[in-house]
């Protein structure tokens, strides 16, 4: 099968315990997928010099957060790794001009295992991670996804895991101003529906409230990874997630889902 590519908003680590609106929608997508050979995840919680790729055969569950309820730290996601496919991904990225290294010890950070608990709750599908270079820009993130796109024909589900809005200062200060966040979300929805890749790359200049929605870029860039891994013939589906804590959008996007897909209708341009 040709697997889809996904952008998933993982929001706060509490998403692992609070499925909200997005959790059931991800579960429905997972149930619609058959023949997935592995999941490749690009998460902002693994940023490195150049690109590193996890090749562990049994990646550990990393609890890379602090100050949350104890039950969160008991959760495990014991999916197997995919060392051979990880090495194939490394070759594709090297051919595209990226500086690539393999990492046999790296586990799965919460940007990977938290959403995967809903997509594949049995943890039966192999998973490996590709890091996000700390100095990559929007155009580079798109190119990273484009380099990984051939893996989809081998059944690899390419997941960019981030957050559609990610102002942690306002989240921590309990500043609740959903209007600006929703205006940014609406702009992204329209750009994705129109497949306006140029606008999505140039979002910092074109999108309303872009710098407020993303004071730093690392949680937005996985959207461009997922977009880059898709093709012009892949239908784009909005996966409804709602707005949590007033400012963190959980909206996500799927590209090239099999039909019929258990998502909301496509957003209007």
Protein backbone atom coordinates (compact mmCIF):
# COMPACT_ATOMS: atom_id res chain seq x y z
CA UNK A 1 0.00 0.00 0.00
CA UNK A 2 0.96 3.64 -0.35
CA UNK A 3 0.66 4.96 3.17
CA UNK A 4 -0.58 8.51 3.85
CA UNK A 5 1.34 11.28 5.54
CA UNK A 6 -0.03 13.00 8.63
CA UNK A 7 0.51 16.19 10.57
CA UNK A 8 -0.62 15.60 14.16
CA UNK A 9 -0.94 18.24 16.85
CA UNK A 10 0.21 16.54 20.04
CA UNK A 11 -0.29 19.59 22.27
CA UNK A 12 0.48 19.06 25.95
CA UNK A 13 1.75 15.68 27.22
CA UNK A 14 -1.62 15.45 28.99
CA UNK A 15 -3.06 14.51 25.59
CA UNK A 16 -1.89 10.99 26.49
CA UNK A 17 -4.50 10.89 29.28
CA UNK A 18 -7.06 13.30 27.85
CA UNK A 19 -8.05 12.21 24.31
CA UNK A 20 -10.43 15.11 23.81
CA UNK A 21 -11.74 15.50 20.27
CA UNK A 22 -8.57 14.46 18.43
CA UNK A 23 -7.95 11.11 20.14
CA UNK A 24 -11.03 9.33 18.74
CA UNK A 25 -10.41 10.82 15.29
CA UNK A 26 -6.86 9.47 15.28
CA UNK A 27 -8.14 6.08 16.41
CA UNK A 28 -10.58 6.04 13.49
CA UNK A 29 -7.78 6.86 11.06
CA UNK A 30 -5.63 4.07 12.47
CA UNK A 31 -8.49 1.61 12.04
CA UNK A 32 -8.84 2.67 8.38
CA UNK A 33 -5.21 1.90 7.56
CA UNK A 34 -4.17 -1.57 6.46
CA UNK A 35 -0.75 -2.77 5.45
CA UNK A 36 1.29 -0.07 7.20
CA UNK A 37 4.83 -1.45 7.48
CA UNK A 38 6.20 1.21 9.86
CA UNK A 39 5.65 4.70 11.20
CA UNK A 40 8.30 7.38 10.70
CA UNK A 41 7.91 10.31 13.10
CA UNK A 42 9.53 13.74 12.95
CA UNK A 43 9.03 15.48 16.28
CA UNK A 44 10.23 18.86 17.59
CA UNK A 45 11.30 17.14 20.79
CA UNK A 46 14.33 15.64 19.06
CA UNK A 47 16.38 18.46 17.60
CA UNK A 48 19.95 17.78 16.59
CA UNK A 49 22.89 19.07 14.59
CA UNK A 50 22.12 17.66 11.16
CA UNK A 51 19.67 14.77 10.90
CA UNK A 52 19.82 11.76 13.19
CA UNK A 53 17.75 8.63 12.68
CA UNK A 54 16.79 6.16 15.40
CA UNK A 55 17.74 2.58 14.51
CA UNK A 56 16.93 0.86 17.81
CA UNK A 57 15.15 -2.47 17.39
CA UNK A 58 13.27 -1.83 20.66
CA UNK A 59 13.03 1.93 21.30
CA UNK A 60 12.28 2.94 24.87
CA UNK A 61 9.42 5.24 25.84
CA UNK A 62 10.95 8.59 26.79
CA UNK A 63 9.09 10.71 29.36
CA UNK A 64 10.68 13.99 28.30
CA UNK A 65 8.62 16.35 30.46
CA UNK A 66 8.26 17.32 34.10
CA UNK A 67 5.64 18.43 36.59
CA UNK A 68 2.76 16.30 35.32
CA UNK A 69 0.56 13.77 37.20
CA UNK A 70 2.31 10.50 38.15
CA UNK A 71 0.10 8.27 35.93
CA UNK A 72 1.61 9.95 32.87
CA UNK A 73 5.04 8.59 33.76
CA UNK A 74 3.73 5.04 33.99
CA UNK A 75 2.62 4.95 30.38
CA UNK A 76 4.67 2.85 27.99
CA UNK A 77 4.52 2.43 24.23
CA UNK A 78 6.48 -0.77 23.51
CA UNK A 79 6.39 -0.68 19.71
CA UNK A 80 9.28 -2.39 17.92
CA UNK A 81 11.73 -0.35 15.90
CA UNK A 82 12.42 -0.60 12.17
CA UNK A 83 16.21 -0.57 11.77
CA UNK A 84 16.26 -1.55 8.10
CA UNK A 85 13.71 1.07 7.06
CA UNK A 86 15.51 3.62 9.21
CA UNK A 87 18.71 2.97 7.28
CA UNK A 88 16.80 3.32 4.01
CA UNK A 89 15.49 6.68 5.23
CA UNK A 90 19.05 7.72 6.01
CA UNK A 91 20.10 6.89 2.48
CA UNK A 92 17.26 8.92 0.97
CA UNK A 93 18.10 11.92 3.14
CA UNK A 94 21.80 11.69 2.36
CA UNK A 95 21.01 11.59 -1.35
CA UNK A 96 18.95 14.77 -0.86
CA UNK A 97 21.98 16.52 0.62
CA UNK A 98 21.24 16.25 4.34
CA UNK A 99 23.99 15.52 6.85
CA UNK A 100 22.77 12.22 8.35
CA UNK A 101 23.86 10.03 11.26
CA UNK A 102 22.35 6.91 12.81
CA UNK A 103 21.48 6.60 16.51
CA UNK A 104 21.08 3.10 17.92
CA UNK A 105 20.10 4.25 21.42
CA UNK A 106 17.45 6.89 20.91
CA UNK A 107 13.93 6.03 22.08
CA UNK A 108 10.53 7.57 21.31
CA UNK A 109 9.82 11.03 22.74
CA UNK A 110 6.32 12.14 23.67
CA UNK A 111 5.84 13.79 20.30
CA UNK A 112 5.91 10.26 18.89
CA UNK A 113 4.37 7.90 21.42
CA UNK A 114 1.55 10.12 22.70
CA UNK A 115 -0.33 10.41 19.36
CA UNK A 116 0.61 6.85 18.39
CA UNK A 117 -1.25 5.58 21.47
CA UNK A 118 -4.42 6.63 19.62
CA UNK A 119 -3.41 5.74 16.06
CA UNK A 120 -2.12 2.26 16.91
CA UNK A 121 -3.06 1.52 20.55
CA UNK A 122 -1.70 -2.03 20.45
CA UNK A 123 1.81 -0.73 19.62
CA UNK A 124 2.12 -3.47 17.02
CA UNK A 125 3.39 -1.31 14.13
CA UNK A 126 7.16 -0.65 14.09
CA UNK A 127 8.18 2.95 14.77
CA UNK A 128 11.33 4.97 14.18
CA UNK A 129 12.13 8.65 14.51
CA UNK A 130 13.93 11.14 12.29
CA UNK A 131 15.23 14.19 14.15
CA UNK A 132 14.48 17.79 13.28
CA UNK A 133 17.70 19.73 12.61
CA UNK A 134 17.89 22.60 15.06
CA UNK A 135 18.76 25.10 12.32
CA UNK A 136 16.24 23.97 9.70
CA UNK A 137 13.82 26.51 8.25
CA UNK A 138 10.39 26.12 6.69
CA UNK A 139 11.74 25.45 3.19
CA UNK A 140 14.17 22.91 4.62
CA UNK A 141 11.38 21.11 6.50
CA UNK A 142 9.43 20.83 3.25
CA UNK A 143 12.52 19.42 1.53
CA UNK A 144 13.01 16.93 4.37
CA UNK A 145 9.50 15.61 3.81
CA UNK A 146 10.01 15.45 0.05
CA UNK A 147 13.13 13.34 0.54
CA UNK A 148 11.20 10.88 2.73
CA UNK A 149 8.20 10.64 0.38
CA UNK A 150 9.38 7.48 -1.48
CA UNK A 151 9.01 5.47 1.74
CA UNK A 152 5.24 5.90 1.56
CA UNK A 153 5.14 3.51 -1.42
CA UNK A 154 6.66 0.89 0.90
CA UNK A 155 3.87 1.32 3.44
CA UNK A 156 5.67 3.76 5.73
CA UNK A 157 3.33 6.24 7.40
CA UNK A 158 5.17 9.57 7.56
CA UNK A 159 4.07 11.60 10.60
CA UNK A 160 5.04 15.17 11.35
CA UNK A 161 4.14 15.65 15.01
CA UNK A 162 3.93 19.22 16.29
CA UNK A 163 1.20 21.68 17.25
CA UNK A 164 -0.83 23.96 15.03
CA UNK A 165 -0.42 26.73 17.62
CA UNK A 166 2.22 26.65 20.33
CA UNK A 167 2.57 29.72 22.54
CA UNK A 168 3.70 28.08 25.77
CA UNK A 169 4.12 31.41 27.58
CA UNK A 170 0.43 32.15 27.20
CA UNK A 171 -0.42 28.55 28.09
CA UNK A 172 1.63 28.69 31.31
CA UNK A 173 0.41 32.17 32.23
CA UNK A 174 -3.20 31.06 31.71
CA UNK A 175 -3.70 33.73 29.04
CA UNK A 176 -6.83 32.68 27.20
CA UNK A 177 -7.26 34.53 23.91
CA UNK A 178 -8.64 32.02 21.42
CA UNK A 179 -9.50 34.62 18.78
CA UNK A 180 -5.95 35.17 17.50
CA UNK A 181 -5.21 31.45 17.67
CA UNK A 182 -8.35 30.60 15.72
CA UNK A 183 -7.55 33.22 13.08
CA UNK A 184 -4.15 31.62 12.57
CA UNK A 185 -5.72 28.15 12.45
CA UNK A 186 -8.32 29.27 9.91
CA UNK A 187 -5.56 30.66 7.68
CA UNK A 188 -3.62 27.38 7.83
CA UNK A 189 -6.76 25.35 7.13
CA UNK A 190 -7.45 27.39 3.99
CA UNK A 191 -3.84 27.20 2.80
CA UNK A 192 -3.72 23.43 3.27
CA UNK A 193 -7.04 22.95 1.49
CA UNK A 194 -5.77 25.02 -1.45
CA UNK A 195 -2.40 23.24 -1.31
CA UNK A 196 -0.76 26.65 -1.22
CA UNK A 197 2.67 25.33 -0.31
CA UNK A 198 4.37 28.66 -0.99
CA UNK A 199 2.11 30.41 1.54
CA UNK A 200 2.64 27.69 4.15
CA UNK A 201 6.41 28.03 3.77
CA UNK A 202 6.17 31.84 3.95
CA UNK A 203 3.65 31.69 6.82
CA UNK A 204 5.68 33.95 9.09
CA UNK A 205 5.08 36.84 6.71
CA UNK A 206 1.65 35.91 5.35
CA UNK A 207 -0.32 34.31 8.18
CA UNK A 208 -2.14 36.42 10.78
CA UNK A 209 -0.54 36.34 14.25
CA UNK A 210 2.14 33.89 13.05
CA UNK A 211 4.81 34.95 15.54
CA UNK A 212 2.35 34.93 18.41
CA UNK A 213 1.00 31.52 17.45
CA UNK A 214 4.59 30.22 17.10
CA UNK A 215 7.16 32.30 19.01
CA UNK A 216 9.60 29.62 17.86
CA UNK A 217 9.11 27.52 14.75
CA UNK A 218 9.86 23.94 15.76
CA UNK A 219 6.24 22.90 16.42
CA UNK A 220 5.02 24.32 13.10
CA UNK A 221 7.72 22.78 10.90
CA UNK A 222 6.42 19.18 11.13
CA UNK A 223 3.37 20.35 9.15
CA UNK A 224 5.72 21.11 6.26
CA UNK A 225 7.41 17.73 6.66
CA UNK A 226 4.04 16.00 6.27
CA UNK A 227 3.10 18.31 3.40
CA UNK A 228 6.42 17.65 1.67
CA UNK A 229 5.91 13.89 1.95
CA UNK A 230 2.56 14.23 0.17
CA UNK A 231 1.86 14.72 -3.52
CA UNK A 232 -0.42 17.02 -5.48
CA UNK A 233 -2.87 14.16 -5.99
CA UNK A 234 -3.23 13.41 -2.26
CA UNK A 235 -6.51 14.72 -0.89
CA UNK A 236 -5.98 16.86 2.21
CA UNK A 237 -8.32 16.13 5.11
CA UNK A 238 -8.78 18.26 8.19
CA UNK A 239 -8.71 16.11 11.32
CA UNK A 240 -10.69 18.06 13.91
CA UNK A 241 -8.97 18.52 17.24
CA UNK A 242 -10.51 21.59 18.81
CA UNK A 243 -8.76 24.26 20.89
CA UNK A 244 -7.37 23.17 24.24
CA UNK A 245 -6.46 25.53 27.10
CA UNK A 246 -7.79 28.41 25.00
CA UNK A 247 -4.65 28.77 22.85
CA UNK A 248 -3.38 25.30 21.82
CA UNK A 249 -5.02 24.08 18.62
CA UNK A 250 -5.16 20.31 18.24
CA UNK A 251 -6.29 20.45 14.60
CA UNK A 252 -4.34 18.03 12.42
CA UNK A 253 -4.16 17.12 8.74
CA UNK A 254 -4.01 13.88 6.76
CA UNK A 255 -2.78 13.60 3.18
CA UNK A 256 -3.69 10.66 0.97
CA UNK A 257 -5.97 8.77 3.34
CA UNK A 258 -7.81 5.78 1.91
CA UNK A 259 -11.43 6.51 1.16
CA UNK A 260 -13.79 6.63 2.94
CA UNK A 261 -11.87 8.35 5.74
CA UNK A 262 -13.17 8.93 9.24
CA UNK A 263 -12.38 12.64 9.34
CA UNK A 264 -14.35 15.83 9.00
CA UNK A 265 -15.03 17.28 5.55
CA UNK A 266 -12.27 19.14 3.78
CA UNK A 267 -11.89 22.74 4.94
CA UNK A 268 -13.18 25.38 2.60
CA UNK A 269 -10.59 27.48 0.81
